[in-house]
C-alpha cells in the first residue's frame, strides 16, 4: 500500500472541518517545498562576488572609478 493510499484510509471518515484543516496543512507543505526549490535554483548574490576583478570598467583606482560613475549621473 502506498503512502497516499494509507493517508486516504486514515482521513476518509474524518469530519469535514478536520479535512479542511488537513488540506490547508498539505497546501502549506507544498508551498514550502516550492519555495525551497525556487531558492535552490536561484543564483545567490554571493555567487557573483569577484565577478568583476578582470573587468576593464572597474580596473584601476577605486576613487577614480567612483568619481567616474558619480559624474555619469550629472
PDB file of N, CA and C in Angstrom:
ATOM      1  N   UNK A   1       0.848  -1.180   0.000  1.00  0.00           N
ATOM      2  CA  UNK A   1       0.000   0.000   0.000  1.00  0.00           C
ATOM      3  C   UNK A   1       0.895   1.246   0.000  1.00  0.00           C
ATOM      4  N   UNK A   2       0.589   2.185  -0.873  1.00  0.00           N
ATOM      5  CA  UNK A   2       1.385   3.413  -0.955  1.00  0.00           C
ATOM      6  C   UNK A   2       1.028   4.345   0.201  1.00  0.00           C
ATOM      7  N   UNK A   3       1.871   5.321   0.401  1.00  0.00           N
ATOM      8  CA  UNK A   3       1.631   6.312   1.455  1.00  0.00           C
ATOM      9  C   UNK A   3       0.338   7.075   1.181  1.00  0.00           C
ATOM     10  N   UNK A   4       0.084   7.408  -0.074  1.00  0.00           N
ATOM     11  CA  UNK A   4      -1.144   8.126  -0.432  1.00  0.00           C
ATOM     12  C   UNK A   4      -2.372   7.285  -0.087  1.00  0.00           C
ATOM     13  N   UNK A   5      -2.298   5.986  -0.341  1.00  0.00           N
ATOM     14  CA  UNK A   5      -3.420   5.092  -0.012  1.00  0.00           C
ATOM     15  C   UNK A   5      -3.614   5.002   1.504  1.00  0.00           C
ATOM     16  N   UNK A   6      -2.529   4.917   2.233  1.00  0.00           N
ATOM     17  CA  UNK A   6      -2.615   4.877   3.696  1.00  0.00           C
ATOM     18  C   UNK A   6      -3.223   6.169   4.219  1.00  0.00           C
ATOM     19  N   UNK A   7      -2.806   7.286   3.664  1.00  0.00           N
ATOM     20  CA  UNK A   7      -3.335   8.583   4.071  1.00  0.00           C
ATOM     21  C   UNK A   7      -4.834   8.655   3.801  1.00  0.00           C
ATOM     22  N   UNK A   8      -5.254   8.167   2.644  1.00  0.00           N
ATOM     23  CA  UNK A   8      -6.675   8.183   2.300  1.00  0.00           C
ATOM     24  C   UNK A   8      -7.481   7.353   3.310  1.00  0.00           C
ATOM     25  N   UNK A   9      -6.972   6.175   3.664  1.00  0.00           N
ATOM     26  CA  UNK A   9      -7.672   5.321   4.625  1.00  0.00           C
ATOM     27  C   UNK A   9      -7.823   6.020   5.975  1.00  0.00           C
ATOM     28  N   UNK A  10      -6.783   6.756   6.391  1.00  0.00           N
ATOM     29  CA  UNK A  10      -6.825   7.441   7.676  1.00  0.00           C
ATOM     30  C   UNK A  10      -7.850   8.566   7.657  1.00  0.00           C
ATOM     31  N   UNK A  11      -7.940   9.296   6.555  1.00  0.00           N
ATOM     32  CA  UNK A  11      -8.764  10.501   6.529  1.00  0.00           C
ATOM     33  C   UNK A  11     -10.163  10.300   5.970  1.00  0.00           C
ATOM     34  N   UNK A  12     -10.460   9.152   5.385  1.00  0.00           N
ATOM     35  CA  UNK A  12     -11.740   9.004   4.681  1.00  0.00           C
ATOM     36  C   UNK A  12     -12.970   9.183   5.574  1.00  0.00           C
ATOM     37  N   UNK A  13     -12.851   8.953   6.866  1.00  0.00           N
ATOM     38  CA  UNK A  13     -14.002   9.081   7.756  1.00  0.00           C
ATOM     39  C   UNK A  13     -13.902  10.278   8.703  1.00  0.00           C
ATOM     40  N   UNK A  14     -12.948  11.153   8.466  1.00  0.00           N
ATOM     41  CA  UNK A  14     -12.810  12.332   9.321  1.00  0.00           C
ATOM     42  C   UNK A  14     -13.888  13.356   8.980  1.00  0.00           C
ATOM     43  N   UNK A  15     -14.279  14.159   9.954  1.00  0.00           N
ATOM     44  CA  UNK A  15     -15.273  15.210   9.669  1.00  0.00           C
ATOM     45  C   UNK A  15     -14.718  16.260   8.708  1.00  0.00           C
ATOM     46  N   UNK A  16     -15.621  16.941   8.025  1.00  0.00           N
ATOM     47  CA  UNK A  16     -15.248  17.936   7.006  1.00  0.00           C
ATOM     48  C   UNK A  16     -14.349  19.037   7.566  1.00  0.00           C
ATOM     49  N   UNK A  17     -14.592  19.474   8.787  1.00  0.00           N
ATOM     50  CA  UNK A  17     -13.781  20.553   9.363  1.00  0.00           C
ATOM     51  C   UNK A  17     -12.327  20.107   9.550  1.00  0.00           C
ATOM     52  N   UNK A  18     -12.134  18.843   9.932  1.00  0.00           N
ATOM     53  CA  UNK A  18     -10.774  18.314  10.107  1.00  0.00           C
ATOM     54  C   UNK A  18     -10.120  18.137   8.746  1.00  0.00           C
ATOM     55  N   UNK A  19     -10.886  17.695   7.759  1.00  0.00           N
ATOM     56  CA  UNK A  19     -10.343  17.544   6.399  1.00  0.00           C
ATOM     57  C   UNK A  19      -9.903  18.891   5.827  1.00  0.00           C
ATOM     58  N   UNK A  20     -10.676  19.936   6.108  1.00  0.00           N
ATOM     59  CA  UNK A  20     -10.310  21.274   5.630  1.00  0.00           C
ATOM     60  C   UNK A  20      -8.994  21.715   6.256  1.00  0.00           C
ATOM     61  N   UNK A  21      -8.824  21.417   7.536  1.00  0.00           N
ATOM     62  CA  UNK A  21      -7.577  21.768   8.225  1.00  0.00           C
ATOM     63  C   UNK A  21      -6.406  20.960   7.673  1.00  0.00           C
ATOM     64  N   UNK A  22      -6.650  19.699   7.399  1.00  0.00           N
ATOM     65  CA  UNK A  22      -5.614  18.832   6.834  1.00  0.00           C
ATOM     66  C   UNK A  22      -5.217  19.309   5.435  1.00  0.00           C
ATOM     67  N   UNK A  23      -6.204  19.696   4.648  1.00  0.00           N
ATOM     68  CA  UNK A  23      -5.935  20.211   3.304  1.00  0.00           C
ATOM     69  C   UNK A  23      -5.113  21.495   3.375  1.00  0.00           C
ATOM     70  N   UNK A  24      -5.459  22.365   4.306  1.00  0.00           N
ATOM     71  CA  UNK A  24      -4.715  23.607   4.492  1.00  0.00           C
ATOM     72  C   UNK A  24      -3.257  23.308   4.824  1.00  0.00           C
ATOM     73  N   UNK A  25      -3.028  22.332   5.695  1.00  0.00           N
ATOM     74  CA  UNK A  25      -1.664  21.965   6.073  1.00  0.00           C
ATOM     75  C   UNK A  25      -0.909  21.364   4.887  1.00  0.00           C
ATOM     76  N   UNK A  26      -1.588  20.510   4.105  1.00  0.00           N
ATOM     77  CA  UNK A  26      -0.950  19.901   2.935  1.00  0.00           C
ATOM     78  C   UNK A  26      -0.544  20.966   1.921  1.00  0.00           C
ATOM     79  N   UNK A  27      -1.416  21.971   1.722  1.00  0.00           N
ATOM     80  CA  UNK A  27      -1.082  23.060   0.794  1.00  0.00           C
ATOM     81  C   UNK A  27       0.071  23.900   1.321  1.00  0.00           C
ATOM     82  N   UNK A  28       0.135  24.077   2.635  1.00  0.00           N
ATOM     83  CA  UNK A  28       1.265  24.773   3.248  1.00  0.00           C
ATOM     84  C   UNK A  28       2.564  24.028   2.967  1.00  0.00           C
ATOM     85  N   UNK A  29       2.546  22.700   3.156  1.00  0.00           N
ATOM     86  CA  UNK A  29       3.749  21.895   2.905  1.00  0.00           C
ATOM     87  C   UNK A  29       4.163  21.955   1.440  1.00  0.00           C
ATOM     88  N   UNK A  30       3.178  21.917   0.535  1.00  0.00           N
ATOM     89  CA  UNK A  30       3.508  22.002  -0.886  1.00  0.00           C
ATOM     90  C   UNK A  30       4.138  23.345  -1.211  1.00  0.00           C
ATOM     91  N   UNK A  31       3.587  24.420  -0.658  1.00  0.00           N
ATOM     92  CA  UNK A  31       4.153  25.752  -0.876  1.00  0.00           C
ATOM     93  C   UNK A  31       5.558  25.861  -0.326  1.00  0.00           C
ATOM     94  N   UNK A  32       5.777  25.262   0.834  1.00  0.00           N
ATOM     95  CA  UNK A  32       7.105  25.273   1.448  1.00  0.00           C
ATOM     96  C   UNK A  32       8.110  24.545   0.553  1.00  0.00           C
ATOM     97  N   UNK A  33       7.686  23.439  -0.046  1.00  0.00           N
ATOM     98  CA  UNK A  33       8.556  22.695  -0.973  1.00  0.00           C
ATOM     99  C   UNK A  33       8.888  23.539  -2.190  1.00  0.00           C
ATOM    100  N   UNK A  34       7.876  24.251  -2.721  1.00  0.00           N
ATOM    101  CA  UNK A  34       8.091  25.088  -3.904  1.00  0.00           C
ATOM    102  C   UNK A  34       9.080  26.206  -3.618  1.00  0.00           C
ATOM    103  N   UNK A  35       8.976  26.817  -2.440  1.00  0.00           N
ATOM    104  CA  UNK A  35       9.893  27.896  -2.069  1.00  0.00           C
ATOM    105  C   UNK A  35      11.313  27.363  -1.989  1.00  0.00           C
ATOM    106  N   UNK A  36      11.488  26.190  -1.383  1.00  0.00           N
ATOM    107  CA  UNK A  36      12.829  25.590  -1.296  1.00  0.00           C
ATOM    108  C   UNK A  36      13.385  25.323  -2.686  1.00  0.00           C
ATOM    109  N   UNK A  37      12.551  24.821  -3.602  1.00  0.00           N
ATOM    110  CA  UNK A  37      13.003  24.507  -4.950  1.00  0.00           C
ATOM    111  C   UNK A  37      13.415  25.771  -5.683  1.00  0.00           C
ATOM    112  N   UNK A  38      12.640  26.833  -5.535  1.00  0.00           N
ATOM    113  CA  UNK A  38      12.974  28.118  -6.166  1.00  0.00           C
ATOM    114  C   UNK A  38      14.299  28.627  -5.624  1.00  0.00           C
ATOM    115  N   UNK A  39      14.466  28.540  -4.306  1.00  0.00           N
ATOM    116  CA  UNK A  39      15.695  29.004  -3.665  1.00  0.00           C
ATOM    117  C   UNK A  39      16.902  28.217  -4.176  1.00  0.00           C
ATOM    118  N   UNK A  40      16.747  26.910  -4.350  1.00  0.00           N
ATOM    119  CA  UNK A  40      17.861  26.087  -4.811  1.00  0.00           C
ATOM    120  C   UNK A  40      18.225  26.380  -6.262  1.00  0.00           C
ATOM    121  N   UNK A  41      17.265  26.830  -7.052  1.00  0.00           N
ATOM    122  CA  UNK A  41      17.511  27.085  -8.471  1.00  0.00           C
ATOM    123  C   UNK A  41      18.038  28.487  -8.748  1.00  0.00           C
ATOM    124  N   UNK A  42      17.983  29.370  -7.772  1.00  0.00           N
ATOM    125  CA  UNK A  42      18.400  30.756  -7.991  1.00  0.00           C
ATOM    126  C   UNK A  42      19.883  30.944  -7.693  1.00  0.00           C
ATOM    127  N   UNK A  43      20.472  31.858  -8.413  1.00  0.00           N
ATOM    128  CA  UNK A  43      21.832  32.262  -8.123  1.00  0.00           C
ATOM    129  C   UNK A  43      21.817  33.195  -6.927  1.00  0.00           C
ATOM    130  N   UNK A  44      22.699  32.994  -6.019  1.00  0.00           N
ATOM    131  CA  UNK A  44      22.793  33.880  -4.871  1.00  0.00           C
ATOM    132  C   UNK A  44      23.703  35.055  -5.196  1.00  0.00           C
ATOM    133  N   UNK A  45      23.484  36.159  -4.530  1.00  0.00           N
ATOM    134  CA  UNK A  45      24.307  37.337  -4.742  1.00  0.00           C
ATOM    135  C   UNK A  45      25.777  37.018  -4.468  1.00  0.00           C
ATOM    136  N   UNK A  46      26.030  36.208  -3.474  1.00  0.00           N
ATOM    137  CA  UNK A  46      27.413  35.857  -3.128  1.00  0.00           C
ATOM    138  C   UNK A  46      28.091  35.092  -4.274  1.00  0.00           C
ATOM    139  N   UNK A  47      27.283  34.396  -5.107  1.00  0.00           N
ATOM    140  CA  UNK A  47      27.854  33.683  -6.251  1.00  0.00           C
ATOM    141  C   UNK A  47      28.465  34.649  -7.272  1.00  0.00           C
ATOM    142  N   UNK A  48      28.010  35.902  -7.243  1.00  0.00           N
ATOM    143  CA  UNK A  48      28.521  36.893  -8.184  1.00  0.00           C
ATOM    144  C   UNK A  48      29.763  37.608  -7.661  1.00  0.00           C
ATOM    145  N   UNK A  49      30.081  37.411  -6.401  1.00  0.00           N
ATOM    146  CA  UNK A  49      31.226  38.089  -5.788  1.00  0.00           C
ATOM    147  C   UNK A  49      32.507  37.740  -6.543  1.00  0.00           C
ATOM    148  N   UNK A  50      33.285  38.743  -6.812  1.00  0.00           N
ATOM    149  CA  UNK A  50      34.551  38.515  -7.502  1.00  0.00           C
ATOM    150  C   UNK A  50      34.408  38.457  -9.012  1.00  0.00           C
ATOM    151  N   UNK A  51      33.224  38.698  -9.511  1.00  0.00           N
ATOM    152  CA  UNK A  51      32.996  38.589 -10.941  1.00  0.00           C
ATOM    153  C   UNK A  51      33.543  39.742 -11.759  1.00  0.00           C
ATOM    154  N   UNK A  52      33.999  40.796 -11.111  1.00  0.00           N
ATOM    155  CA  UNK A  52      34.467  41.968 -11.848  1.00  0.00           C
ATOM    156  C   UNK A  52      35.970  42.206 -11.708  1.00  0.00           C
ATOM    157  N   UNK A  53      36.684  41.256 -11.122  1.00  0.00           N
ATOM    158  CA  UNK A  53      38.112  41.508 -10.904  1.00  0.00           C
ATOM    159  C   UNK A  53      38.900  41.652 -12.209  1.00  0.00           C
ATOM    160  N   UNK A  54      38.382  41.123 -13.302  1.00  0.00           N
ATOM    161  CA  UNK A  54      39.078  41.244 -14.589  1.00  0.00           C
ATOM    162  C   UNK A  54      38.388  42.240 -15.523  1.00  0.00           C
ATOM    163  N   UNK A  55      37.459  43.023 -14.992  1.00  0.00           N
ATOM    164  CA  UNK A  55      36.699  43.965 -15.793  1.00  0.00           C
ATOM    165  C   UNK A  55      37.534  45.211 -16.098  1.00  0.00           C
ATOM    166  N   UNK A  56      37.531  45.618 -17.349  1.00  0.00           N
ATOM    167  CA  UNK A  56      38.244  46.839 -17.740  1.00  0.00           C
ATOM    168  C   UNK A  56      37.552  48.060 -17.138  1.00  0.00           C
ATOM    169  N   UNK A  57      36.255  48.007 -16.996  1.00  0.00           N
ATOM    170  CA  UNK A  57      35.490  49.122 -16.450  1.00  0.00           C
ATOM    171  C   UNK A  57      35.846  49.401 -15.004  1.00  0.00           C
ATOM    172  N   UNK A  58      36.082  48.356 -14.250  1.00  0.00           N
ATOM    173  CA  UNK A  58      36.345  48.515 -12.820  1.00  0.00           C
ATOM    174  C   UNK A  58      37.815  48.286 -12.447  1.00  0.00           C
ATOM    175  N   UNK A  59      38.691  48.410 -13.421  1.00  0.00           N
ATOM    176  CA  UNK A  59      40.124  48.281 -13.146  1.00  0.00           C
ATOM    177  C   UNK A  59      40.679  49.654 -12.768  1.00  0.00           C
ATOM    178  N   UNK A  60      41.613  49.683 -11.875  1.00  0.00           N
ATOM    179  CA  UNK A  60      42.250  50.935 -11.510  1.00  0.00           C
ATOM    180  C   UNK A  60      41.903  51.387 -10.106  1.00  0.00           C
ATOM    181  N   UNK A  61      42.168  52.642  -9.864  1.00  0.00           N
ATOM    182  CA  UNK A  61      41.974  53.230  -8.545  1.00  0.00           C
ATOM    183  C   UNK A  61      40.481  53.314  -8.212  1.00  0.00           C
ATOM    184  N   UNK A  62      40.059  52.755  -7.089  1.00  0.00           N
ATOM    185  CA  UNK A  62      38.641  52.774  -6.719  1.00  0.00           C
ATOM    186  C   UNK A  62      38.051  54.181  -6.614  1.00  0.00           C
ATOM    187  N   UNK A  63      38.832  55.149  -6.159  1.00  0.00           N
ATOM    188  CA  UNK A  63      38.320  56.517  -6.049  1.00  0.00           C
ATOM    189  C   UNK A  63      38.065  57.136  -7.418  1.00  0.00           C
ATOM    190  N   UNK A  64      38.920  56.849  -8.376  1.00  0.00           N
ATOM    191  CA  UNK A  64      38.729  57.346  -9.744  1.00  0.00           C
ATOM    192  C   UNK A  64      37.494  56.699 -10.355  1.00  0.00           C
ATOM    193  N   UNK A  65      37.320  55.416 -10.125  1.00  0.00           N
ATOM    194  CA  UNK A  65      36.148  54.698 -10.635  1.00  0.00           C
ATOM    195  C   UNK A  65      34.878  55.292 -10.028  1.00  0.00           C
ATOM    196  N   UNK A  66      34.906  55.509  -8.717  1.00  0.00           N
ATOM    197  CA  UNK A  66      33.741  56.078  -8.032  1.00  0.00           C
ATOM    198  C   UNK A  66      33.393  57.452  -8.604  1.00  0.00           C
ATOM    199  N   UNK A  67      34.398  58.292  -8.805  1.00  0.00           N
ATOM    200  CA  UNK A  67      34.154  59.627  -9.355  1.00  0.00           C
ATOM    201  C   UNK A  67      33.594  59.533 -10.768  1.00  0.00           C
ATOM    202  N   UNK A  68      34.139  58.630 -11.581  1.00  0.00           N
ATOM    203  CA  UNK A  68      33.662  58.468 -12.957  1.00  0.00           C
ATOM    204  C   UNK A  68      32.197  58.011 -12.962  1.00  0.00           C
ATOM    205  N   UNK A  69      31.864  57.088 -12.098  1.00  0.00           N
ATOM    206  CA  UNK A  69      30.483  56.609 -12.021  1.00  0.00           C
ATOM    207  C   UNK A  69      29.537  57.713 -11.525  1.00  0.00           C
ATOM    208  N   UNK A  70      29.978  58.442 -10.520  1.00  0.00           N
ATOM    209  CA  UNK A  70      29.161  59.530  -9.977  1.00  0.00           C
ATOM    210  C   UNK A  70      28.946  60.610 -11.027  1.00  0.00           C
ATOM    211  N   UNK A  71      30.007  60.959 -11.769  1.00  0.00           N
ATOM    212  CA  UNK A  71      29.901  62.000 -12.792  1.00  0.00           C
ATOM    213  C   UNK A  71      28.988  61.592 -13.946  1.00  0.00           C
ATOM    214  N   UNK A  72      28.805  60.309 -14.139  1.00  0.00           N
ATOM    215  CA  UNK A  72      27.916  59.835 -15.193  1.00  0.00           C
ATOM    216  C   UNK A  72      26.482  60.298 -14.976  1.00  0.00           C
ATOM    217  N   UNK A  73      26.106  60.503 -13.717  1.00  0.00           N
ATOM    218  CA  UNK A  73      24.727  60.886 -13.389  1.00  0.00           C
ATOM    219  C   UNK A  73      24.503  62.392 -13.492  1.00  0.00           C
ATOM    220  N   UNK A  74      25.545  63.145 -13.665  1.00  0.00           N
ATOM    221  CA  UNK A  74      25.394  64.609 -13.752  1.00  0.00           C
ATOM    222  C   UNK A  74      25.134  65.058 -15.155  1.00  0.00           C
TER     223      UNK A  74
END
